Amino acid sequence: MKRLLPFAFALVKFVSGYLLISPQYDLQRDEYLYLNQGQHLAWGYLEVPPLLAAQGWVTLALGGGAGWVHFWPFLWGAATIYLVVRLAGRLGGGWFGQALAGSCYLGTAFARLNLLFQPNSFEVFGFVLALYALVCFEQERRPRHLYLLGAALGLGLLNKYTTLFFIAALGGALLLTNWRRLLLHRHFWGAAGLALLLWGPNLAWQIGHGIPFRHHMALLKESQLVHVSVLDFWRPQLLMCVTALWVWVPGLLALLLGRAFRPYRAVGWVAVLGVGLLFGLHGKDYYALGYYPVLFSFGAVWWETRLKRLGRLKRFGRIERSDEQRGFDWKTALASFLIALPLLLMLPILPFIYPLRSPATMAALRPKYAPLGLYRWEDGQDHALPQDYADMRGWRELADKTRAAYQSLPAPVRAHTLIHCANYGQASAINYFNRGRGLPAANSLNGSFIYWYPPLDSCQAVLIVDDGLHPELAPRFASYRRFAAITDPYARERGTAIIIGLRPDSAVLALVRRERQTELSAWEGPAPK
């Protein structure tokens, strides 16, 4: 049974995702971007390294349906929970310890994390795989586990640059514990070489493009990270895994202070240093999620040890004999309750983790849950839906109306039409829903789209997708009119308009070229003269 538990939890994790998404929601804004990157394969992008784009390419090759898009986060979530449960078993946990570790993963923020096609799911998987490999090496001393560590870190760097912070935390943890002996192990440096080899092409891309990662971090710091207060960072550290707080906190303390887990103390220091480093750098709260799953494993085994000791106490002997006569096994009942507890505690907020309920139903829940901040967006205001859910509405409507605008143009003009969007979400969604429908690619000067912007030499019409009409542009076109707008009352893009501009003059086209060059210079530095 213990050998089957990791597979059972992985299967539950994978399958349940498909059952907990209402068809009334589209994909989320960022998911369209990563799919669009899959149409422009490269060794790097302004937003992320290339691993997610490779998954996007496979997804589109398989038809691009929403089921295939969801396959990847569900897969990495299933792989992660497999490792979490398996790690509990490696630490000596029986059916209770393994099942408790798995239920903690199912009943915390990872339920939400593994829903979206974003780099976060593989990031957490990579962190857990790296620490799992180190535990295996400590137990078996097999070099292959060090190379598994190197592969996890190398692929992690191809997925998200926050892996660099994990590597820094890992280095500090090695120096603070007796695991520092690994620094003298030749296979450890071989694993480091493997990680660098895997990351090498993306590192070369970064250097060749002026290290745009620096500009990306500067933008985050100016627009988002600067607003992260002490409370904004630490409160979510408790709330994201609050249903398993009673498991991961003892797990962390046992790692740092206990005797039973002393050989694995470096794992606890990785968590402490990793989260502390993110706090010091004003990182987003969810950047720290990858450090918690292994604590579920250690905490679950700690609880199993305590329950075993509880069962051996003589003062319970009379109760046990009495219960056995009545056919009641109180230890099994208590263990079953503890395993179910993270899931039971999650039930009240389940509609805010999975998009199960219709937008109208979610809007009706607002008076009850708004005080918890669940309906507050980045603008600081409460809205009809949680922001992520609003970012899953309106995209199909936008794509259909953009296509209708394109079809309204005279046939000779269509071949020379530019679709210009204000942000990557609009451009990516239009491209996703209109693939194979004869439309030219939608473009933007936002993010990696600056690399894919077409030449404007023969442009005869522009479809502008933006949240405003921009009447100051009207004199630059022979004809300039609003064609349609998003009317979905629950969409974050509600009111976004599709504007048709015919025969743009040279001044407006020159303006677009300058804006593109300005964006390129901001990301890559000034072009060499």
Protein backbone atom coordinates (compact mmCIF):
# COMPACT_ATOMS: atom_id res chain seq x y z
CA MET A 1 0.00 0.00 0.00
CA LYS A 2 2.78 2.42 0.90
CA ARG A 3 4.33 2.03 -2.54
CA LEU A 4 1.04 2.83 -4.23
CA LEU A 5 0.26 5.94 -2.20
CA PRO A 6 2.55 8.31 -4.14
CA PHE A 7 1.01 7.19 -7.44
CA ALA A 8 -2.51 7.40 -6.01
CA PHE A 9 -2.03 10.97 -4.84
CA ALA A 10 -0.43 11.93 -8.15
CA LEU A 11 -3.40 10.48 -10.04
CA VAL A 12 -5.89 12.31 -7.83
CA LYS A 13 -4.00 15.55 -8.30
CA PHE A 14 -3.86 15.21 -12.07
CA VAL A 15 -7.46 14.11 -12.69
CA SER A 16 -9.13 16.43 -10.19
CA GLY A 17 -7.86 19.49 -12.02
CA TYR A 18 -9.96 18.68 -15.07
CA LEU A 19 -13.06 18.25 -12.93
CA LEU A 20 -12.81 21.55 -11.06
CA ILE A 21 -12.85 24.15 -13.84
CA SER A 22 -16.10 25.64 -15.10
CA PRO A 23 -16.37 25.95 -18.91
CA GLN A 24 -17.60 29.51 -18.37
CA TYR A 25 -14.00 30.64 -17.97
CA ASP A 26 -11.37 31.05 -20.69
CA LEU A 27 -7.65 30.73 -20.11
CA GLN A 28 -5.97 33.34 -17.95
CA ARG A 29 -4.21 36.37 -19.48
CA ASP A 30 -0.63 35.12 -18.96
CA GLU A 31 -1.38 31.70 -20.38
CA TYR A 32 -2.05 33.20 -23.81
CA LEU A 33 1.34 34.91 -23.74
CA TYR A 34 3.22 31.69 -23.05
CA LEU A 35 1.31 29.92 -25.81
CA ASN A 36 2.20 32.75 -28.16
CA GLN A 37 5.85 32.32 -27.24
CA GLY A 38 5.46 28.73 -28.39
CA GLN A 39 4.94 30.12 -31.90
CA HIS A 40 8.27 31.99 -31.68
CA LEU A 41 10.71 29.45 -30.27
CA ALA A 42 13.93 30.99 -28.98
CA TRP A 43 16.43 30.46 -26.17
CA GLY A 44 14.94 33.31 -24.19
CA TYR A 45 12.18 35.87 -23.83
CA LEU A 46 11.87 39.12 -21.96
CA GLU A 47 9.48 37.62 -19.41
CA VAL A 48 10.77 34.08 -18.82
CA PRO A 49 13.35 31.53 -19.99
CA PRO A 50 12.35 29.16 -22.82
CA LEU A 51 11.05 26.01 -21.09
CA LEU A 52 7.44 27.16 -20.91
CA ALA A 53 7.49 28.20 -24.57
CA ALA A 54 8.63 24.69 -25.49
CA GLN A 55 5.62 23.30 -23.66
CA GLY A 56 3.47 25.84 -25.49
CA TRP A 57 4.86 24.66 -28.82
CA VAL A 58 3.95 21.04 -27.99
CA THR A 59 0.50 22.16 -26.87
CA LEU A 60 -0.17 23.96 -30.13
CA ALA A 61 1.19 21.02 -32.11
CA LEU A 62 -1.40 18.84 -30.36
CA GLY A 63 -4.21 21.19 -31.37
CA GLY A 64 -3.92 23.85 -28.70
CA GLY A 65 -7.13 22.96 -26.87
CA ALA A 66 -7.65 24.10 -23.29
CA GLY A 67 -7.28 20.51 -22.10
CA TRP A 68 -3.75 20.35 -23.47
CA VAL A 69 -2.93 23.76 -22.01
CA HIS A 70 -3.99 22.53 -18.56
CA PHE A 71 -2.08 19.29 -19.02
CA TRP A 72 1.25 20.89 -18.10
CA PRO A 73 0.40 22.44 -14.71
CA PHE A 74 -1.57 19.33 -13.83
CA LEU A 75 1.42 17.16 -14.80
CA TRP A 76 3.94 19.15 -12.75
CA GLY A 77 1.52 19.28 -9.83
CA ALA A 78 1.10 15.51 -9.96
CA ALA A 79 4.86 15.01 -10.20
CA THR A 80 5.41 17.31 -7.22
CA ILE A 81 2.90 15.58 -4.97
CA TYR A 82 4.42 12.24 -5.94
CA LEU A 83 7.80 13.45 -4.67
CA VAL A 84 6.28 14.90 -1.50
CA VAL A 85 4.56 11.64 -0.62
CA ARG A 86 7.57 9.57 -1.68
CA LEU A 87 9.87 11.73 0.43
CA ALA A 88 7.72 11.08 3.50
CA GLY A 89 8.12 7.38 2.82
CA ARG A 90 11.89 7.70 2.47
CA LEU A 91 12.02 9.43 5.83
CA GLY A 92 10.36 6.44 7.47
CA GLY A 93 6.74 7.50 7.20
CA GLY A 94 4.10 4.81 6.93
CA TRP A 95 0.68 5.13 5.34
CA PHE A 96 -0.29 7.93 7.74
CA GLY A 97 2.82 10.06 7.22
CA GLN A 98 2.66 9.72 3.45
CA ALA A 99 -1.07 10.39 3.24
CA LEU A 100 -0.80 13.41 5.53
CA ALA A 101 2.00 14.89 3.42
CA GLY A 102 -0.11 14.39 0.29
CA SER A 103 -3.26 15.91 1.78
CA CYS A 104 -1.27 18.96 2.90
CA TYR A 105 -0.22 19.53 -0.71
CA LEU A 106 -3.77 19.03 -1.98
CA GLY A 107 -5.27 21.33 0.64
CA THR A 108 -3.01 24.37 0.39
CA ALA A 109 -2.15 27.07 -2.14
CA PHE A 110 -0.71 24.50 -4.54
CA ALA A 111 -4.26 23.63 -5.52
CA ARG A 112 -4.44 27.09 -7.09
CA LEU A 113 -0.82 27.20 -8.25
CA ASN A 114 -1.13 24.04 -10.34
CA LEU A 115 -4.20 25.33 -12.15
CA LEU A 116 -2.58 27.82 -14.54
CA PHE A 117 -0.13 27.35 -17.42
CA GLN A 118 2.60 29.46 -15.87
CA PRO A 119 6.23 28.82 -14.85
CA ASN A 120 5.28 28.51 -11.16
CA SER A 121 4.21 24.85 -11.31
CA PHE A 122 7.52 23.65 -12.73
CA GLU A 123 9.40 25.99 -10.39
CA VAL A 124 7.94 24.26 -7.34
CA PHE A 125 8.52 20.84 -8.90
CA GLY A 126 12.17 21.74 -9.57
CA PHE A 127 12.77 22.92 -6.00
CA VAL A 128 11.19 19.79 -4.53
CA LEU A 129 13.10 17.53 -6.93
CA ALA A 130 16.39 19.20 -5.98
CA LEU A 131 15.83 18.72 -2.25
CA TYR A 132 14.49 15.19 -2.78
CA ALA A 133 17.69 14.35 -4.66
CA LEU A 134 19.82 15.67 -1.80
CA VAL A 135 17.92 13.58 0.74
CA CYS A 136 18.37 10.51 -1.46
CA PHE A 137 22.09 11.18 -1.71
CA GLU A 138 22.36 11.55 2.06
CA GLN A 139 20.71 8.17 2.46
CA GLU A 140 22.39 6.21 -0.33
CA ARG A 141 25.52 8.15 -1.36
CA ARG A 142 24.90 7.46 -5.03
CA PRO A 143 26.35 10.01 -7.47
CA ARG A 144 23.28 9.74 -9.69
CA HIS A 145 21.31 11.67 -7.09
CA LEU A 146 23.75 14.58 -7.34
CA TYR A 147 23.29 14.62 -11.10
CA LEU A 148 19.54 14.56 -10.54
CA LEU A 149 20.07 17.68 -8.41
CA GLY A 150 22.04 19.27 -11.25
CA ALA A 151 19.32 18.44 -13.78
CA ALA A 152 16.65 19.90 -11.49
CA LEU A 153 18.57 23.16 -11.10
CA GLY A 154 19.48 23.41 -14.78
CA LEU A 155 15.92 22.86 -15.96
CA GLY A 156 14.73 25.18 -13.21
CA LEU A 157 16.92 27.95 -14.63
CA LEU A 158 15.41 27.27 -18.05
CA ASN A 159 11.99 27.76 -16.46
CA LYS A 160 12.28 30.75 -14.10
CA TYR A 161 15.13 32.92 -12.89
CA THR A 162 14.00 32.72 -9.25
CA THR A 163 15.91 29.43 -9.28
CA LEU A 164 19.00 31.60 -8.80
CA PHE A 165 17.68 32.57 -5.36
CA PHE A 166 17.11 28.91 -4.55
CA ILE A 167 20.69 28.12 -5.56
CA ALA A 168 21.94 30.94 -3.31
CA ALA A 169 19.88 29.55 -0.41
CA LEU A 170 21.19 26.06 -1.10
CA GLY A 171 24.78 27.31 -1.08
CA GLY A 172 24.24 29.03 2.25
CA ALA A 173 22.61 25.92 3.71
CA LEU A 174 25.56 23.75 2.67
CA LEU A 175 28.01 26.11 4.36
CA LEU A 176 25.97 26.19 7.58
CA THR A 177 25.71 22.39 7.99
CA ASN A 178 27.85 19.31 7.68
CA TRP A 179 26.61 19.04 4.10
CA ARG A 180 29.50 21.38 3.31
CA ARG A 181 31.43 18.18 2.61
CA LEU A 182 29.60 18.09 -0.73
CA LEU A 183 31.75 21.01 -1.83
CA LEU A 184 34.69 18.59 -1.89
CA HIS A 185 32.81 15.91 -3.82
CA ARG A 186 33.80 15.70 -7.50
CA HIS A 187 30.32 14.55 -8.54
CA PHE A 188 28.82 17.62 -6.87
CA TRP A 189 30.82 19.81 -9.22
CA GLY A 190 29.92 17.50 -12.06
CA ALA A 191 26.27 18.15 -11.19
CA ALA A 192 26.98 21.89 -11.13
CA GLY A 193 28.50 21.55 -14.59
CA LEU A 194 25.39 19.74 -15.80
CA ALA A 195 23.18 22.53 -14.47
CA LEU A 196 25.32 25.16 -16.21
CA LEU A 197 25.32 23.14 -19.44
CA LEU A 198 21.53 23.00 -19.44
CA TRP A 199 21.18 26.69 -18.66
CA GLY A 200 23.99 27.73 -21.00
CA PRO A 201 21.95 28.53 -24.14
CA ASN A 202 19.57 30.79 -22.21
CA LEU A 203 22.48 32.44 -20.41
CA ALA A 204 24.08 33.12 -23.79
CA TRP A 205 20.78 34.58 -25.02
CA GLN A 206 20.62 36.89 -22.01
CA ILE A 207 24.16 38.12 -22.57
CA GLY A 208 23.60 38.53 -26.30
CA HIS A 209 20.51 40.69 -25.66
CA GLY A 210 22.05 42.95 -23.06
CA ILE A 211 20.74 40.93 -20.06
CA PRO A 212 17.10 42.05 -20.23
CA PHE A 213 16.51 40.22 -16.93
CA ARG A 214 17.91 43.30 -15.17
CA HIS A 215 15.31 45.56 -16.78
CA HIS A 216 12.59 43.04 -15.95
CA MET A 217 13.56 43.14 -12.27
CA ALA A 218 13.74 46.94 -12.36
CA LEU A 219 10.21 47.11 -13.76
CA LEU A 220 8.95 44.74 -11.08
CA LYS A 221 10.65 46.78 -8.39
CA GLU A 222 9.19 50.05 -9.63
CA SER A 223 5.66 48.82 -10.31
CA GLN A 224 5.07 46.02 -7.81
CA LEU A 225 7.88 44.96 -5.48
CA VAL A 226 8.38 48.43 -4.04
CA HIS A 227 4.86 48.22 -2.62
CA VAL A 228 5.52 44.94 -0.77
CA SER A 229 5.55 45.79 2.96
CA VAL A 230 6.70 43.52 5.77
CA LEU A 231 3.11 42.56 6.51
CA ASP A 232 2.30 42.07 2.82
CA PHE A 233 5.06 39.48 2.56
CA TRP A 234 4.85 37.59 5.86
CA ARG A 235 1.09 37.37 6.25
CA PRO A 236 0.69 35.34 3.03
CA GLN A 237 3.49 33.04 4.21
CA LEU A 238 1.05 31.90 6.88
CA LEU A 239 -2.11 32.12 4.80
CA MET A 240 -0.92 30.31 1.65
CA CYS A 241 -0.43 27.08 3.60
CA VAL A 242 -2.56 27.91 6.65
CA THR A 243 -4.54 24.65 6.47
CA ALA A 244 -1.26 22.76 6.95
CA LEU A 245 0.35 25.24 9.35
CA TRP A 246 0.22 22.62 12.09
CA VAL A 247 2.27 20.28 9.88
CA TRP A 248 4.92 22.38 8.18
CA VAL A 249 5.88 24.45 11.23
CA PRO A 250 6.73 21.34 13.32
CA GLY A 251 8.49 19.96 10.25
CA LEU A 252 10.68 23.06 9.97
CA LEU A 253 11.43 23.13 13.71
CA ALA A 254 12.27 19.43 13.71
CA LEU A 255 14.68 19.99 10.83
CA LEU A 256 16.43 22.89 12.51
CA LEU A 257 16.39 21.71 16.13
CA GLY A 258 15.48 18.02 16.32
CA ARG A 259 17.82 15.06 16.54
CA ALA A 260 15.89 12.66 14.30
CA PHE A 261 16.24 14.88 11.22
CA ARG A 262 19.75 16.18 11.98
CA PRO A 263 21.25 14.54 8.85
CA TYR A 264 18.85 16.64 6.73
CA ARG A 265 19.23 19.95 8.57
CA ALA A 266 20.40 21.69 5.42
CA VAL A 267 16.89 21.24 3.97
CA GLY A 268 15.49 23.39 6.76
CA TRP A 269 18.14 26.03 6.20
CA VAL A 270 17.33 26.13 2.48
CA ALA A 271 13.74 27.05 3.40
CA VAL A 272 14.79 29.66 5.96
CA LEU A 273 17.43 31.28 3.76
CA GLY A 274 15.31 31.09 0.60
CA VAL A 275 12.27 32.79 2.13
CA GLY A 276 14.50 35.28 3.97
CA LEU A 277 16.32 36.18 0.76
CA LEU A 278 13.04 36.82 -1.05
CA PHE A 279 11.90 39.04 1.81
CA GLY A 280 15.15 40.99 1.74
CA LEU A 281 14.80 41.54 -2.01
CA HIS A 282 11.12 42.56 -1.70
CA GLY A 283 10.00 39.54 -3.70
CA LYS A 284 6.37 38.63 -4.23
CA ASP A 285 4.91 36.45 -1.50
CA TYR A 286 4.14 33.49 -3.78
CA TYR A 287 7.76 33.28 -4.93
CA ALA A 288 8.35 31.42 -1.65
CA LEU A 289 5.84 28.63 -2.27
CA GLY A 290 8.43 26.19 -3.55
CA TYR A 291 10.10 25.95 -0.14
CA TYR A 292 7.08 24.51 1.70
CA PRO A 293 6.23 21.10 0.15
CA VAL A 294 9.27 19.30 1.59
CA LEU A 295 8.30 20.67 5.01
CA PHE A 296 4.98 18.83 4.63
CA SER A 297 6.93 15.58 4.30
CA PHE A 298 9.09 16.18 7.35
CA GLY A 299 6.17 17.50 9.39
CA ALA A 300 3.97 14.53 8.48
CA VAL A 301 6.63 12.07 9.60
CA TRP A 302 7.08 14.07 12.82
CA TRP A 303 3.35 13.74 13.50
CA GLU A 304 3.40 10.03 12.76
CA THR A 305 6.18 9.56 15.30
CA ARG A 306 4.18 11.44 17.93
CA LEU A 307 1.05 9.39 17.29
CA LYS A 308 2.99 6.16 17.59
CA ARG A 309 4.37 7.29 20.94
CA LEU A 310 0.89 8.33 22.03
CA GLY A 311 -0.41 4.88 21.30
CA ARG A 312 2.23 3.27 23.49
CA LEU A 313 1.45 5.34 26.62
CA LYS A 314 0.23 3.07 29.40
CA ARG A 315 -2.39 5.52 30.60
CA PHE A 316 -4.27 4.83 27.37
CA GLY A 317 -4.12 1.09 27.85
CA ARG A 318 -7.48 0.78 29.57
CA ILE A 319 -9.14 2.96 26.98
CA GLU A 320 -7.63 0.95 24.16
CA ARG A 321 -8.85 -2.37 25.59
CA SER A 322 -12.30 -0.94 26.16
CA ASP A 323 -12.42 0.49 22.65
CA GLU A 324 -11.17 -2.72 21.10
CA GLN A 325 -13.99 -4.64 22.79
CA ARG A 326 -16.46 -2.29 21.13
CA GLY A 327 -14.61 -2.61 17.81
CA PHE A 328 -13.44 1.02 17.77
CA ASP A 329 -9.88 1.92 16.78
CA TRP A 330 -9.37 5.45 18.09
CA LYS A 331 -5.85 5.74 16.64
CA THR A 332 -7.03 5.02 13.11
CA ALA A 333 -9.95 7.42 13.53
CA LEU A 334 -7.64 10.19 14.77
CA ALA A 335 -5.16 9.54 11.97
CA SER A 336 -7.92 9.64 9.36
CA PHE A 337 -9.24 12.91 10.77
CA LEU A 338 -5.78 14.52 10.68
CA ILE A 339 -5.27 13.40 7.08
CA ALA A 340 -8.59 14.93 6.05
CA LEU A 341 -8.11 18.13 8.09
CA PRO A 342 -6.23 20.21 5.43
CA LEU A 343 -8.93 19.40 2.89
CA LEU A 344 -11.76 20.12 5.32
CA LEU A 345 -10.24 23.48 6.24
CA MET A 346 -9.95 24.38 2.55
CA LEU A 347 -13.62 23.73 1.72
CA PRO A 348 -14.95 27.20 2.69
CA ILE A 349 -12.63 28.91 0.19
CA LEU A 350 -12.73 26.22 -2.51
CA PRO A 351 -14.63 28.49 -5.00
CA PHE A 352 -11.72 30.96 -4.77
CA ILE A 353 -9.12 28.29 -5.50
CA TYR A 354 -10.85 26.55 -8.40
CA PRO A 355 -13.12 28.41 -10.86
CA LEU A 356 -15.99 26.06 -10.10
CA ARG A 357 -18.87 28.48 -9.93
CA SER A 358 -20.29 30.77 -12.59
CA PRO A 359 -19.29 34.43 -12.64
CA ALA A 360 -22.77 35.42 -11.50
CA THR A 361 -22.55 33.11 -8.48
CA MET A 362 -19.08 34.42 -7.62
CA ALA A 363 -20.33 37.99 -7.86
CA ALA A 364 -23.17 37.12 -5.48
CA LEU A 365 -20.61 35.88 -2.92
CA ARG A 366 -18.82 39.21 -2.87
CA PRO A 367 -20.60 40.73 0.19
CA LYS A 368 -19.57 37.73 2.28
CA TYR A 369 -15.96 37.38 1.17
CA ALA A 370 -14.93 40.90 0.13
CA PRO A 371 -13.77 41.77 3.69
CA LEU A 372 -11.11 39.06 3.28
CA GLY A 373 -9.65 40.93 0.30
CA LEU A 374 -10.57 38.20 -2.18
CA TYR A 375 -12.23 40.66 -4.56
CA ARG A 376 -9.54 43.34 -4.38
CA TRP A 377 -7.51 43.96 -7.53
CA GLU A 378 -4.14 45.59 -8.09
CA ASP A 379 -5.87 48.97 -8.24
CA GLY A 380 -6.84 48.58 -4.58
CA GLN A 381 -10.57 48.44 -5.35
CA ASP A 382 -13.09 45.62 -4.94
CA HIS A 383 -14.68 44.31 -8.13
CA ALA A 384 -17.37 41.83 -9.15
CA LEU A 385 -14.91 38.91 -9.48
CA PRO A 386 -11.48 38.07 -8.08
CA GLN A 387 -8.85 39.47 -10.42
CA ASP A 388 -7.63 36.11 -11.72
CA TYR A 389 -11.18 35.09 -12.58
CA ALA A 390 -11.85 38.40 -14.34
CA ASP A 391 -8.67 37.72 -16.31
CA MET A 392 -10.34 34.53 -17.59
CA ARG A 393 -13.28 36.33 -19.17
CA GLY A 394 -13.81 38.30 -22.39
CA TRP A 395 -10.94 36.96 -24.45
CA ARG A 396 -13.02 34.92 -26.87
CA GLU A 397 -15.33 37.91 -27.35
CA LEU A 398 -12.32 40.13 -28.08
CA ALA A 399 -10.93 37.68 -30.64
CA ASP A 400 -14.30 37.26 -32.41
CA LYS A 401 -14.91 41.00 -32.64
CA THR A 402 -11.39 41.62 -33.88
CA ARG A 403 -11.96 39.07 -36.61
CA ALA A 404 -15.27 40.69 -37.49
CA ALA A 405 -13.50 44.04 -37.77
CA TYR A 406 -10.92 42.49 -40.05
CA GLN A 407 -13.59 40.87 -42.23
CA SER A 408 -15.34 44.24 -42.59
CA LEU A 409 -12.34 45.64 -44.47
CA PRO A 410 -12.19 45.53 -48.28
CA ALA A 411 -10.42 42.42 -49.50
CA PRO A 412 -7.45 44.30 -51.06
CA VAL A 413 -6.83 46.09 -47.73
CA ARG A 414 -6.82 42.98 -45.52
CA ALA A 415 -3.47 41.81 -46.86
CA HIS A 416 -1.92 45.08 -45.63
CA THR A 417 -3.58 45.33 -42.23
CA LEU A 418 -1.78 45.66 -38.91
CA ILE A 419 -3.43 44.50 -35.66
CA HIS A 420 -1.93 46.60 -32.84
CA CYS A 421 -2.81 45.83 -29.21
CA ALA A 422 -2.09 47.77 -26.05
CA ASN A 423 -0.86 44.75 -24.08
CA TYR A 424 0.38 41.21 -24.49
CA GLY A 425 -2.82 39.66 -23.11
CA GLN A 426 -4.94 41.15 -25.90
CA ALA A 427 -2.50 40.26 -28.67
CA SER A 428 -1.92 36.72 -27.37
CA ALA A 429 -5.61 35.93 -26.90
CA ILE A 430 -6.49 37.21 -30.39
CA ASN A 431 -3.77 35.01 -31.86
CA TYR A 432 -4.89 31.99 -29.85
CA PHE A 433 -8.56 32.06 -30.72
CA ASN A 434 -8.02 33.12 -34.34
CA ARG A 435 -5.33 30.57 -35.20
CA GLY A 436 -6.14 28.99 -38.54
CA ARG A 437 -8.85 31.59 -39.34
CA GLY A 438 -6.89 33.65 -41.85
CA LEU A 439 -6.07 36.66 -39.68
CA PRO A 440 -2.64 38.27 -39.58
CA ALA A 441 -0.91 37.97 -36.23
CA ALA A 442 -1.89 40.50 -33.59
CA ASN A 443 1.04 42.57 -32.35
CA SER A 444 1.99 44.76 -29.42
CA LEU A 445 4.89 46.82 -28.12
CA ASN A 446 4.47 45.14 -24.74
CA GLY A 447 7.04 42.55 -23.59
CA SER A 448 8.49 39.98 -26.00
CA PHE A 449 6.08 41.12 -28.73
CA ILE A 450 8.58 43.86 -29.59
CA TYR A 451 10.72 41.15 -31.20
CA TRP A 452 7.90 39.95 -33.43
CA TYR A 453 6.57 43.31 -34.63
CA PRO A 454 6.20 43.31 -38.42
CA PRO A 455 7.54 45.93 -40.87
CA LEU A 456 5.11 48.75 -41.62
CA ASP A 457 6.15 49.66 -45.16
CA SER A 458 2.88 48.68 -46.87
CA CYS A 459 0.41 49.24 -44.04
CA GLN A 460 -3.00 50.39 -45.34
CA ALA A 461 -5.16 49.75 -42.26
CA VAL A 462 -4.66 49.39 -38.51
CA LEU A 463 -6.93 47.59 -36.08
CA ILE A 464 -6.18 49.21 -32.74
CA VAL A 465 -7.14 47.25 -29.62
CA ASP A 466 -7.03 49.54 -26.61
CA ASP A 467 -9.12 50.69 -23.65
CA GLY A 468 -9.60 54.17 -25.09
CA LEU A 469 -10.53 55.72 -28.42
CA HIS A 470 -7.50 58.06 -28.52
CA PRO A 471 -9.15 60.79 -30.63
CA GLU A 472 -5.80 62.57 -30.99
CA LEU A 473 -4.85 59.86 -33.50
CA ALA A 474 -7.86 60.47 -35.76
CA PRO A 475 -6.16 63.17 -37.89
CA ARG A 476 -3.43 60.68 -38.74
CA PHE A 477 -5.88 58.41 -40.60
CA ALA A 478 -8.11 58.90 -43.60
CA SER A 479 -10.86 57.16 -41.59
CA TYR A 480 -10.89 56.44 -37.86
CA ARG A 481 -13.81 54.84 -36.05
CA ARG A 482 -14.67 52.53 -33.18
CA PHE A 483 -15.94 49.18 -34.45
CA ALA A 484 -16.82 47.29 -31.25
CA ALA A 485 -15.87 46.77 -27.61
CA ILE A 486 -15.87 44.02 -24.98
CA THR A 487 -19.20 44.04 -23.19
CA ASP A 488 -18.74 41.10 -20.80
CA PRO A 489 -19.58 42.68 -17.41
CA TYR A 490 -17.22 40.33 -15.55
CA ALA A 491 -14.15 40.71 -17.78
CA ARG A 492 -11.17 42.69 -16.61
CA GLU A 493 -10.88 43.91 -20.21
CA ARG A 494 -14.47 45.17 -20.22
CA GLY A 495 -14.67 48.28 -22.41
CA THR A 496 -11.58 47.44 -24.44
CA ALA A 497 -12.34 48.74 -27.93
CA ILE A 498 -11.48 47.64 -31.46
CA ILE A 499 -10.79 50.71 -33.60
CA ILE A 500 -10.41 50.70 -37.37
CA GLY A 501 -7.98 53.23 -38.83
CA LEU A 502 -7.61 53.39 -42.61
CA ARG A 503 -4.62 54.73 -44.55
CA PRO A 504 -2.36 55.84 -41.66
CA ASP A 505 0.03 58.65 -42.53
CA SER A 506 3.80 58.34 -42.36
CA ALA A 507 3.98 60.24 -39.05
CA VAL A 508 1.95 57.70 -37.09
CA LEU A 509 3.92 54.81 -38.59
CA ALA A 510 7.17 56.56 -37.70
CA LEU A 511 5.85 56.99 -34.16
CA VAL A 512 5.27 53.25 -33.85
CA ARG A 513 8.80 52.54 -35.09
CA ARG A 514 10.28 54.95 -32.53
CA GLU A 515 8.25 53.43 -29.72
CA ARG A 516 9.47 49.98 -30.66
CA GLN A 517 13.08 51.13 -30.74
CA THR A 518 12.63 52.84 -27.39
CA GLU A 519 11.30 49.63 -25.88
CA LEU A 520 14.15 47.58 -27.34
CA SER A 521 16.68 50.06 -25.96
CA ALA A 522 15.07 49.91 -22.52
CA TRP A 523 15.36 46.13 -22.43
CA GLU A 524 18.67 45.59 -24.23
CA GLY A 525 20.44 48.92 -23.89
CA PRO A 526 21.16 51.42 -26.69
CA ALA A 527 21.90 49.95 -30.09
CA PRO A 528 25.61 50.11 -31.05
CA LYS A 529 26.41 52.99 -33.37
